[in-house]
Amino acid sequence: MKKHFPKFILRHRLIAISVIYLLSRLPFLTKLPIFNDEAIYLDWGWKSLHTTAGLFYSLYDAKLPLLIWIFGVFESVVHSPLFMGRLVSIIAGLITLIGIYKVAKELEGGGVALLSSVFYIAIPLFVFFDRQALMESAVAAAGVWSFYFLLQILETKKDRYLIYLGAALGIGIFIKLQAIVFLVTIVFILTYNRHFKAAVLSLVTSLVVLSPLFIQKIFWESLTSNNRFMLSIPEVLGLPFTLWVNNISTTASVLFFHLTPIIIILAIYGVYLFLKRKKITLPIFFLVNIILVLLLGRSLNPRYLSAFLVPVSIFCSCAILSFKKPFPLLVGGVAVLPAVAFTTLLIFSPIKYFTFLDKMTVTSQKDGYMNNWTSGYGIPETVSYLENLSKGKQIIVGVRLDAGNPESAIFTYFNGSENIMVTYIDPRILNPDLLKLPCLPSNIPVYFVARGGILNGLDKFFQEEKRFGKPEGEQYISIHSLKKCN
């Protein structure tokens, strides 16, 4: 058995690296509490499938719904919403890993494919978003596989890959509109290579995949909301140099600190090697994507860049294996060890990870994930406290008419609960006559979960019972009970 195991690994490399990938992604999956946008997406996922809100509920906030539906399905299987939502992203990351392996093997052979997979597994930026119930991991998967099908079109000219390419691009855009960058880049590459039929058929297939959106009136009405994240064409033509300089600075910081310095230096050398060998397709795909993101992004951060940085693992690996022996082993070790160290810290101690990274870069995401109201710290304690209050009885938990933490998180954790009914309690939707009363009568215990003690004018009806603070700063989540009427 011991003799056969190494041979099995060598013959089934993709299975082996997939197992290693899962071992790197699954441990302590919910140690970092639920982030603001995770709470929103998971709540939408449940509501889309289980309420009258409808499948296209997320379009009211200009968010495309495909991955949100998948979140809802996984939440319905096991009532552990954060774990199941993040498991979706881990599966998407596994699909990305397989795509990286196949692309690298197609371009550079098995050695680069294996090493590229190792770097994808180790790089902390990819680890982070593969363990978040967000869109980025799935968008990355769509991008990698779109490029793989593009390669097959350029090399084999088989028509079936036109359908696969269009489907991959359509699915990516159905998940997040940002994936349209991949579509633009690939149509550009196909057109440049005079594959006009492929460009048209791939575009048509993408439109067919996206057709359910086109019959939704709210989809067209919500498109203008994307100006929050992307520049319009007139704005781009206005040459906003200050914004572009900021985008370049942010991107440089993300490349240097979130990918680690040695990896990005090697990746730059890898791009040079690809261009020198006249293997230009992957560098063009990568560079055009980045240029489009830099030009169109209104405010970049690690999250919005991560899906477009996946090819870095291939470039870095190509550079390492270009050295003569024994330098590949030495350089590879020096490159991968800092990434593994950062990733280990991220998995086992997120607070130490953010604190350490914050000392080096403004793109650390520390405030968003640790200290601001978007942070999920305080949510697990709040959920546990309310569960204890509801043992053996029914309670009502109110939140203000808002989305994010803690409002969406409370809905997410108690959607479908038998003992805890979550509802909006807000002056904007209450009967004005109720607000004139000295107290609100109720036969069922009522509690209010507030963001930093903000009750939106309902202070006279509630009294604070408990508060749970963020790791640093003044932000906290407070739990209030309804005052009894004398």
Protein backbone atom coordinates (compact mmCIF):
# COMPACT_ATOMS: atom_id res chain seq x y z
CA MET A 1 0.00 0.00 0.00
CA LYS A 2 2.81 2.40 0.92
CA LYS A 3 4.60 1.67 -2.36
CA HIS A 4 1.52 2.26 -4.47
CA PHE A 5 0.47 5.53 -2.82
CA PRO A 6 3.26 7.73 -4.34
CA LYS A 7 2.54 6.25 -7.76
CA PHE A 8 -1.16 7.01 -7.32
CA ILE A 9 -0.32 10.62 -6.46
CA LEU A 10 1.91 10.99 -9.51
CA ARG A 11 -0.73 9.49 -11.80
CA HIS A 12 -3.57 11.50 -10.29
CA ARG A 13 -2.00 14.87 -9.62
CA LEU A 14 -5.23 16.77 -10.06
CA ILE A 15 -6.97 14.65 -7.42
CA ALA A 16 -4.04 15.15 -5.04
CA ILE A 17 -3.94 18.93 -5.39
CA SER A 18 -7.74 19.08 -5.09
CA VAL A 19 -7.50 17.31 -1.73
CA ILE A 20 -4.74 19.69 -0.62
CA TYR A 21 -6.91 22.61 -1.77
CA LEU A 22 -9.86 21.44 0.34
CA LEU A 23 -7.58 20.94 3.34
CA SER A 24 -6.45 24.56 2.94
CA ARG A 25 -9.96 26.00 2.61
CA LEU A 26 -12.24 24.08 4.96
CA PRO A 27 -10.62 24.42 8.42
CA PHE A 28 -12.07 27.09 10.72
CA LEU A 29 -14.31 28.22 7.88
CA THR A 30 -16.57 30.34 10.10
CA LYS A 31 -13.87 31.65 12.46
CA LEU A 32 -14.07 35.03 10.73
CA PRO A 33 -17.65 36.17 11.47
CA ILE A 34 -20.15 36.96 8.75
CA PHE A 35 -19.22 40.02 6.68
CA ASN A 36 -21.78 42.67 5.76
CA ASP A 37 -22.22 41.65 2.10
CA GLU A 38 -22.23 37.95 2.97
CA ALA A 39 -25.17 38.59 5.27
CA ILE A 40 -27.03 40.43 2.52
CA TYR A 41 -26.42 37.78 -0.17
CA LEU A 42 -27.33 34.88 2.11
CA ASP A 43 -30.52 36.61 3.21
CA TRP A 44 -31.42 37.32 -0.41
CA GLY A 45 -30.68 33.70 -1.31
CA TRP A 46 -33.16 32.43 1.27
CA LYS A 47 -35.82 35.01 0.45
CA SER A 48 -35.48 34.38 -3.32
CA LEU A 49 -36.37 30.71 -2.88
CA HIS A 50 -38.65 30.68 0.15
CA THR A 51 -40.71 33.90 0.06
CA THR A 52 -42.79 35.93 -2.32
CA ALA A 53 -39.80 38.20 -2.96
CA GLY A 54 -39.14 36.18 -6.11
CA LEU A 55 -36.08 34.82 -7.88
CA PHE A 56 -34.95 38.22 -9.11
CA TYR A 57 -35.20 39.94 -5.73
CA SER A 58 -31.49 40.91 -5.75
CA LEU A 59 -31.95 42.97 -8.92
CA TYR A 60 -33.55 45.69 -6.81
CA ASP A 61 -30.02 46.41 -5.60
CA ALA A 62 -28.52 45.81 -9.07
CA LYS A 63 -26.97 42.47 -8.01
CA LEU A 64 -27.28 39.63 -10.52
CA PRO A 65 -28.92 36.58 -8.99
CA LEU A 66 -27.34 33.30 -10.19
CA LEU A 67 -24.92 32.74 -7.31
CA ILE A 68 -27.48 34.10 -4.84
CA TRP A 69 -29.85 31.32 -5.93
CA ILE A 70 -27.08 28.78 -5.30
CA PHE A 71 -26.52 30.26 -1.84
CA GLY A 72 -30.24 29.81 -1.18
CA VAL A 73 -30.17 26.17 -2.29
CA PHE A 74 -27.21 25.35 -0.04
CA GLU A 75 -28.79 27.18 2.92
CA SER A 76 -31.90 25.05 2.43
CA VAL A 77 -29.94 21.78 2.63
CA VAL A 78 -28.22 22.42 5.98
CA HIS A 79 -29.25 25.16 8.39
CA SER A 80 -25.80 26.64 8.84
CA PRO A 81 -26.02 29.62 6.50
CA LEU A 82 -22.51 31.03 6.83
CA PHE A 83 -20.80 27.65 6.51
CA MET A 84 -22.95 26.60 3.55
CA GLY A 85 -22.56 29.95 1.80
CA ARG A 86 -18.79 29.84 2.16
CA LEU A 87 -18.81 26.22 1.02
CA VAL A 88 -20.28 27.44 -2.28
CA SER A 89 -17.26 29.70 -2.74
CA ILE A 90 -14.87 26.88 -1.85
CA ILE A 91 -16.45 24.74 -4.57
CA ALA A 92 -16.12 27.64 -7.01
CA GLY A 93 -12.47 27.98 -5.99
CA LEU A 94 -11.95 24.26 -6.67
CA ILE A 95 -13.37 24.79 -10.16
CA THR A 96 -10.90 27.67 -10.56
CA LEU A 97 -8.03 25.46 -9.39
CA ILE A 98 -8.88 22.78 -11.95
CA GLY A 99 -9.08 25.47 -14.63
CA ILE A 100 -5.66 26.83 -13.67
CA TYR A 101 -4.18 23.35 -13.86
CA LYS A 102 -5.63 22.70 -17.31
CA VAL A 103 -4.65 26.11 -18.70
CA ALA A 104 -1.10 25.86 -17.36
CA LYS A 105 -0.70 22.30 -18.63
CA GLU A 106 -1.97 23.36 -22.06
CA LEU A 107 0.48 26.26 -22.24
CA GLU A 108 3.56 25.04 -20.37
CA GLY A 109 3.21 21.40 -19.40
CA GLY A 110 2.62 19.36 -16.26
CA GLY A 111 5.37 20.90 -14.13
CA VAL A 112 4.05 24.44 -14.46
CA ALA A 113 0.49 23.15 -14.03
CA LEU A 114 1.36 21.51 -10.72
CA LEU A 115 3.32 24.48 -9.39
CA SER A 116 0.64 26.95 -10.52
CA SER A 117 -1.91 24.96 -8.53
CA VAL A 118 0.32 25.08 -5.46
CA PHE A 119 0.60 28.86 -5.69
CA TYR A 120 -3.15 29.28 -6.14
CA ILE A 121 -3.67 27.17 -3.02
CA ALA A 122 -1.08 29.17 -1.04
CA ILE A 123 -1.63 32.82 -2.05
CA PRO A 124 -3.55 34.54 0.79
CA LEU A 125 -5.66 36.77 -1.48
CA PHE A 126 -7.18 33.73 -3.20
CA VAL A 127 -7.53 31.83 0.08
CA PHE A 128 -9.43 34.75 1.58
CA PHE A 129 -12.05 35.11 -1.16
CA ASP A 130 -12.42 31.35 -1.63
CA ARG A 131 -13.60 31.35 2.02
CA GLN A 132 -16.11 34.20 1.70
CA ALA A 133 -19.76 33.89 0.63
CA LEU A 134 -19.19 36.53 -2.03
CA MET A 135 -19.13 36.57 -5.86
CA GLU A 136 -15.38 36.82 -6.45
CA SER A 137 -14.46 33.14 -6.31
CA ALA A 138 -17.18 32.22 -8.81
CA VAL A 139 -16.26 35.11 -11.13
CA ALA A 140 -12.64 33.89 -11.08
CA ALA A 141 -13.82 30.40 -12.07
CA ALA A 142 -15.77 31.82 -15.00
CA GLY A 143 -12.74 33.81 -16.12
CA VAL A 144 -10.30 30.89 -15.99
CA TRP A 145 -12.58 28.52 -17.85
CA SER A 146 -13.46 31.17 -20.42
CA PHE A 147 -9.76 31.47 -21.17
CA TYR A 148 -9.37 27.69 -21.38
CA PHE A 149 -12.17 27.45 -23.94
CA LEU A 150 -10.62 30.39 -25.82
CA LEU A 151 -7.37 28.41 -26.07
CA GLN A 152 -9.25 25.41 -27.45
CA ILE A 153 -10.90 27.60 -30.08
CA LEU A 154 -7.58 29.08 -31.15
CA GLU A 155 -5.82 25.70 -31.25
CA THR A 156 -8.48 23.17 -32.32
CA LYS A 157 -11.15 25.31 -34.02
CA LYS A 158 -13.80 22.84 -32.80
CA ASP A 159 -17.26 24.40 -32.80
CA ARG A 160 -18.33 22.94 -29.47
CA TYR A 161 -15.86 25.19 -27.69
CA LEU A 162 -17.72 28.21 -29.05
CA ILE A 163 -20.76 27.11 -27.06
CA TYR A 164 -18.68 26.33 -23.98
CA LEU A 165 -16.98 29.72 -24.15
CA GLY A 166 -20.23 31.64 -24.54
CA ALA A 167 -21.81 29.66 -21.71
CA ALA A 168 -18.87 30.30 -19.36
CA LEU A 169 -18.93 34.03 -20.11
CA GLY A 170 -22.71 34.20 -19.74
CA ILE A 171 -22.62 32.37 -16.41
CA GLY A 172 -19.88 34.72 -15.17
CA ILE A 173 -21.91 37.80 -16.05
CA PHE A 174 -25.07 36.21 -14.58
CA ILE A 175 -23.12 36.01 -11.31
CA LYS A 176 -21.65 39.51 -11.38
CA LEU A 177 -21.70 42.19 -14.06
CA GLN A 178 -17.98 42.76 -13.50
CA ALA A 179 -17.36 39.57 -15.50
CA ILE A 180 -18.25 41.52 -18.63
CA VAL A 181 -14.56 42.49 -18.60
CA PHE A 182 -13.74 38.90 -19.59
CA LEU A 183 -16.25 39.08 -22.43
CA VAL A 184 -14.77 42.30 -23.83
CA THR A 185 -11.21 40.95 -23.60
CA ILE A 186 -12.03 37.62 -25.24
CA VAL A 187 -14.01 39.20 -28.07
CA PHE A 188 -11.01 41.49 -28.61
CA ILE A 189 -8.60 38.51 -28.76
CA LEU A 190 -10.85 36.53 -31.12
CA THR A 191 -11.31 39.53 -33.39
CA TYR A 192 -7.57 40.27 -33.38
CA ASN A 193 -6.93 36.66 -34.45
CA ARG A 194 -9.59 36.96 -37.18
CA HIS A 195 -11.90 34.44 -35.54
CA PHE A 196 -14.95 36.55 -36.34
CA LYS A 197 -17.38 33.60 -36.34
CA ALA A 198 -16.16 32.53 -32.91
CA ALA A 199 -16.52 36.05 -31.55
CA VAL A 200 -20.08 36.36 -32.81
CA LEU A 201 -21.25 32.88 -31.77
CA SER A 202 -19.69 33.17 -28.32
CA LEU A 203 -21.37 36.53 -27.83
CA VAL A 204 -24.72 35.15 -29.00
CA THR A 205 -24.42 32.14 -26.65
CA SER A 206 -23.67 34.49 -23.75
CA LEU A 207 -26.78 36.49 -24.56
CA VAL A 208 -28.87 33.32 -24.62
CA VAL A 209 -27.58 32.37 -21.14
CA LEU A 210 -28.41 35.88 -19.93
CA SER A 211 -31.83 36.02 -21.62
CA PRO A 212 -33.84 35.39 -18.42
CA LEU A 213 -32.50 38.72 -17.16
CA PHE A 214 -33.55 40.63 -20.26
CA ILE A 215 -37.25 40.02 -19.67
CA GLN A 216 -37.02 41.47 -16.17
CA LYS A 217 -37.98 45.14 -16.17
CA ILE A 218 -36.07 45.71 -12.95
CA PHE A 219 -32.86 44.50 -14.64
CA TRP A 220 -32.90 47.40 -17.09
CA GLU A 221 -33.93 49.86 -14.39
CA SER A 222 -31.10 48.74 -12.13
CA LEU A 223 -28.30 49.04 -14.68
CA THR A 224 -27.70 52.69 -13.84
CA SER A 225 -27.04 51.68 -10.22
CA ASN A 226 -23.80 50.07 -11.35
CA ASN A 227 -22.38 53.58 -11.67
CA ARG A 228 -21.63 53.14 -7.96
CA PHE A 229 -18.85 50.78 -8.94
CA MET A 230 -18.01 51.44 -12.59
CA LEU A 231 -17.39 54.59 -14.58
CA SER A 232 -19.72 55.39 -17.44
CA ILE A 233 -18.33 55.87 -20.95
CA PRO A 234 -18.69 59.69 -20.76
CA GLU A 235 -16.78 59.65 -17.46
CA VAL A 236 -13.98 57.60 -19.00
CA LEU A 237 -13.82 59.96 -21.98
CA GLY A 238 -13.47 62.78 -19.46
CA LEU A 239 -10.04 61.30 -18.60
CA PRO A 240 -10.28 61.14 -14.78
CA PHE A 241 -6.51 60.95 -14.24
CA THR A 242 -6.68 61.41 -10.47
CA LEU A 243 -8.99 58.43 -10.09
CA TRP A 244 -6.82 56.33 -12.41
CA VAL A 245 -3.71 57.19 -10.41
CA ASN A 246 -5.54 56.07 -7.25
CA ASN A 247 -6.58 52.84 -8.99
CA ILE A 248 -3.02 52.15 -10.07
CA SER A 249 -1.75 52.82 -6.55
CA THR A 250 -4.35 50.51 -5.02
CA THR A 251 -3.62 47.77 -7.55
CA ALA A 252 0.11 48.01 -6.88
CA SER A 253 -0.53 47.70 -3.14
CA VAL A 254 -2.74 44.65 -3.62
CA LEU A 255 -0.20 42.99 -5.93
CA PHE A 256 2.68 43.65 -3.56
CA PHE A 257 1.12 42.88 -0.19
CA HIS A 258 -1.77 40.48 -0.88
CA LEU A 259 0.08 38.32 -3.39
CA THR A 260 3.39 38.80 -1.51
CA PRO A 261 6.38 40.70 -3.00
CA ILE A 262 8.41 37.73 -4.25
CA ILE A 263 5.44 36.19 -6.07
CA ILE A 264 4.55 39.39 -7.92
CA ILE A 265 8.19 40.01 -8.92
CA LEU A 266 8.40 36.47 -10.29
CA ALA A 267 5.04 36.90 -12.03
CA ILE A 268 6.27 40.03 -13.82
CA TYR A 269 9.29 38.04 -15.00
CA GLY A 270 6.91 35.26 -16.08
CA VAL A 271 4.91 37.69 -18.21
CA TYR A 272 8.18 38.76 -19.84
CA LEU A 273 9.06 35.10 -20.59
CA PHE A 274 5.66 34.46 -22.19
CA LEU A 275 6.05 37.52 -24.40
CA LYS A 276 9.66 36.63 -25.25
CA ARG A 277 8.55 33.15 -26.37
CA LYS A 278 5.73 34.75 -28.38
CA LYS A 279 3.07 33.00 -26.29
CA ILE A 280 1.09 36.18 -26.07
CA THR A 281 -2.49 34.99 -25.51
CA LEU A 282 -2.38 34.64 -21.72
CA PRO A 283 -0.41 37.89 -21.16
CA ILE A 284 -2.83 39.78 -23.41
CA PHE A 285 -5.82 38.27 -21.59
CA PHE A 286 -4.34 39.20 -18.23
CA LEU A 287 -3.11 42.69 -19.11
CA VAL A 288 -6.22 43.78 -21.03
CA ASN A 289 -8.41 42.62 -18.12
CA ILE A 290 -6.32 44.63 -15.66
CA ILE A 291 -6.28 47.72 -17.90
CA LEU A 292 -10.07 47.60 -18.26
CA VAL A 293 -10.51 47.25 -14.51
CA LEU A 294 -8.13 50.17 -13.90
CA LEU A 295 -9.92 52.38 -16.42
CA LEU A 296 -13.50 51.49 -15.46
CA GLY A 297 -13.31 50.92 -11.72
CA ARG A 298 -14.67 53.73 -9.59
CA SER A 299 -12.96 52.58 -6.41
CA LEU A 300 -10.75 49.50 -6.45
CA ASN A 301 -9.92 47.23 -3.53
CA PRO A 302 -8.62 43.65 -3.09
CA ARG A 303 -12.09 42.22 -3.57
CA TYR A 304 -12.71 43.78 -6.98
CA LEU A 305 -9.24 42.85 -8.22
CA SER A 306 -8.95 39.26 -6.99
CA ALA A 307 -10.84 37.53 -9.81
CA PHE A 308 -8.57 39.11 -12.43
CA LEU A 309 -5.28 38.21 -10.73
CA VAL A 310 -5.57 34.42 -10.94
CA PRO A 311 -3.12 34.09 -13.91
CA VAL A 312 -0.37 35.40 -11.59
CA SER A 313 0.04 31.86 -10.26
CA ILE A 314 0.86 30.60 -13.79
CA PHE A 315 3.28 33.43 -14.60
CA CYS A 316 5.08 32.97 -11.28
CA SER A 317 5.42 29.22 -11.78
CA CYS A 318 6.71 29.65 -15.33
CA ALA A 319 9.39 32.03 -14.04
CA ILE A 320 10.51 29.67 -11.28
CA LEU A 321 10.83 26.66 -13.58
CA SER A 322 12.79 28.69 -16.12
CA PHE A 323 15.81 28.73 -13.80
CA LYS A 324 18.46 26.05 -14.05
CA LYS A 325 18.68 23.39 -11.35
CA PRO A 326 18.86 23.57 -8.36
CA PHE A 327 17.48 27.14 -8.36
CA PRO A 328 13.80 26.27 -9.07
CA LEU A 329 13.52 24.46 -5.76
CA LEU A 330 15.28 27.25 -3.88
CA VAL A 331 13.37 30.12 -5.53
CA GLY A 332 10.07 28.25 -5.31
CA GLY A 333 10.56 27.65 -1.60
CA VAL A 334 11.47 31.27 -0.93
CA ALA A 335 8.38 32.39 -2.89
CA VAL A 336 5.81 30.01 -1.43
CA LEU A 337 6.81 30.03 2.25
CA PRO A 338 5.76 33.66 3.01
CA ALA A 339 2.45 33.02 1.24
CA VAL A 340 1.87 29.87 3.31
CA ALA A 341 2.76 31.78 6.49
CA PHE A 342 0.27 34.56 5.72
CA THR A 343 -2.41 32.04 4.76
CA THR A 344 -1.88 30.06 7.97
CA LEU A 345 -2.26 33.24 10.01
CA LEU A 346 -5.40 34.15 8.07
CA ILE A 347 -7.03 30.78 8.71
CA PHE A 348 -6.13 30.35 12.38
CA SER A 349 -6.14 33.98 13.59
CA PRO A 350 -7.94 36.45 11.30
CA ILE A 351 -7.53 39.31 13.77
CA LYS A 352 -3.74 38.91 13.86
CA TYR A 353 -3.72 38.63 10.07
CA PHE A 354 -5.62 41.90 9.55
CA THR A 355 -3.64 43.68 12.26
CA PHE A 356 -0.32 42.61 10.76
CA LEU A 357 -1.37 43.47 7.20
CA ASP A 358 -2.74 46.83 8.31
CA LYS A 359 0.74 47.87 9.44
CA MET A 360 1.95 47.51 5.86
CA THR A 361 -0.87 48.63 3.58
CA VAL A 362 -4.08 50.68 3.52
CA THR A 363 -5.68 47.84 1.53
CA SER A 364 -5.62 45.48 4.52
CA GLN A 365 -9.47 45.44 4.81
CA LYS A 366 -9.02 45.57 8.59
CA ASP A 367 -11.69 48.16 9.27
CA GLY A 368 -14.30 46.48 7.09
CA TYR A 369 -13.78 43.02 8.54
CA MET A 370 -12.86 43.92 12.14
CA ASN A 371 -13.96 47.30 13.40
CA ASN A 372 -16.59 49.04 11.29
CA TRP A 373 -20.28 48.21 11.32
CA THR A 374 -19.69 46.01 8.25
CA SER A 375 -17.67 43.66 10.46
CA GLY A 376 -19.35 40.48 11.66
CA TYR A 377 -17.77 40.55 15.11
CA GLY A 378 -20.55 40.57 17.67
CA ILE A 379 -22.97 38.70 15.40
CA PRO A 380 -22.22 35.17 16.73
CA GLU A 381 -22.64 36.38 20.31
CA THR A 382 -25.90 38.14 19.39
CA VAL A 383 -27.26 35.03 17.67
CA SER A 384 -26.32 32.84 20.66
CA TYR A 385 -27.92 35.29 23.11
CA LEU A 386 -31.20 35.36 21.16
CA GLU A 387 -31.23 31.57 20.83
CA ASN A 388 -30.95 31.27 24.61
CA LEU A 389 -33.80 33.74 25.07
CA SER A 390 -36.02 31.72 22.73
CA LYS A 391 -35.55 28.32 24.34
CA GLY A 392 -38.98 26.83 24.94
CA LYS A 393 -40.85 29.92 23.72
CA GLN A 394 -41.40 32.21 20.78
CA ILE A 395 -39.88 35.67 20.54
CA ILE A 396 -39.94 38.50 18.02
CA VAL A 397 -36.67 40.13 16.99
CA GLY A 398 -36.87 43.50 15.30
CA VAL A 399 -34.29 45.35 13.24
CA ARG A 400 -34.39 48.69 11.53
CA LEU A 401 -35.28 48.95 7.82
CA ASP A 402 -31.76 48.51 6.50
CA ALA A 403 -29.43 45.90 4.99
CA GLY A 404 -26.08 44.58 6.12
CA ASN A 405 -24.81 43.94 9.64
CA PRO A 406 -26.57 43.30 11.89
CA GLU A 407 -29.92 43.57 10.08
CA SER A 408 -29.40 41.09 7.22
CA ALA A 409 -27.30 38.82 9.45
CA ILE A 410 -30.16 38.42 11.92
CA PHE A 411 -32.53 37.49 9.09
CA THR A 412 -29.91 35.10 7.67
CA TYR A 413 -29.41 33.18 10.90
CA PHE A 414 -33.10 32.94 11.79
CA ASN A 415 -34.77 32.50 8.39
CA GLY A 416 -37.05 29.50 8.80
CA SER A 417 -36.72 29.47 12.61
CA GLU A 418 -39.71 28.13 14.55
CA ASN A 419 -39.08 30.10 17.74
CA ILE A 420 -37.63 33.38 16.47
CA MET A 421 -39.52 35.62 14.07
CA VAL A 422 -37.40 38.42 12.62
CA THR A 423 -39.17 41.50 11.31
CA TYR A 424 -38.56 45.14 10.55
CA ILE A 425 -39.52 47.53 13.35
CA ASP A 426 -38.95 51.01 12.02
CA PRO A 427 -40.84 54.33 12.23
CA ARG A 428 -40.82 54.47 8.43
CA ILE A 429 -43.17 51.49 8.18
CA LEU A 430 -45.04 51.57 11.50
CA ASN A 431 -48.47 53.06 11.90
CA PRO A 432 -47.88 56.69 13.04
CA ASP A 433 -50.56 56.26 15.72
CA LEU A 434 -48.45 53.55 17.39
CA LEU A 435 -45.57 55.96 17.76
CA LYS A 436 -47.77 58.29 19.81
CA LEU A 437 -48.37 55.61 22.43
CA PRO A 438 -46.32 55.70 25.65
CA CYS A 439 -45.50 52.00 25.19
CA LEU A 440 -46.06 49.16 22.73
CA PRO A 441 -48.15 46.28 24.09
CA SER A 442 -47.17 42.73 23.12
CA ASN A 443 -48.07 39.26 24.38
CA ILE A 444 -44.84 37.87 22.89
CA PRO A 445 -41.38 39.01 24.09
CA VAL A 446 -39.95 41.54 21.64
CA TYR A 447 -36.29 42.41 21.21
CA PHE A 448 -34.52 44.87 18.97
CA VAL A 449 -31.03 44.34 17.54
CA ALA A 450 -29.36 47.66 16.78
CA ARG A 451 -26.27 48.85 14.96
CA GLY A 452 -24.36 50.83 17.58
CA GLY A 453 -27.47 51.48 19.68
CA ILE A 454 -29.31 53.25 16.83
CA LEU A 455 -33.03 52.59 17.24
CA ASN A 456 -34.24 55.14 14.67
CA GLY A 457 -36.43 57.04 17.14
CA LEU A 458 -37.80 54.02 19.01
CA ASP A 459 -35.69 54.61 22.10
CA LYS A 460 -38.65 55.27 24.39
CA PHE A 461 -40.07 51.80 23.72
CA PHE A 462 -36.92 49.75 24.36
CA GLN A 463 -34.24 49.34 26.99
CA GLU A 464 -30.74 48.02 26.34
CA GLU A 465 -29.98 44.55 27.69
CA LYS A 466 -26.65 43.61 26.12
CA ARG A 467 -23.99 44.90 23.79
CA PHE A 468 -21.20 43.15 21.94
CA GLY A 469 -18.27 45.24 20.75
CA LYS A 470 -15.94 44.96 17.79
CA PRO A 471 -12.29 43.94 18.45
CA GLU A 472 -11.17 47.57 18.26
CA GLY A 473 -12.87 50.95 18.15
CA GLU A 474 -16.25 52.12 19.35
CA GLN A 475 -18.63 50.15 17.13
CA TYR A 476 -20.89 47.55 18.73
CA ILE A 477 -24.10 45.59 18.35
CA SER A 478 -26.74 46.12 21.04
CA ILE A 479 -29.75 44.05 22.03
CA HIS A 480 -32.77 45.86 23.47
CA SER A 481 -35.92 44.48 25.09
CA LEU A 482 -39.38 45.99 24.76
CA LYS A 483 -40.38 47.91 27.88
CA LYS A 484 -43.44 46.59 29.64
CA CYS A 485 -46.57 48.67 29.70
CA ASN A 486 -47.58 49.49 33.29
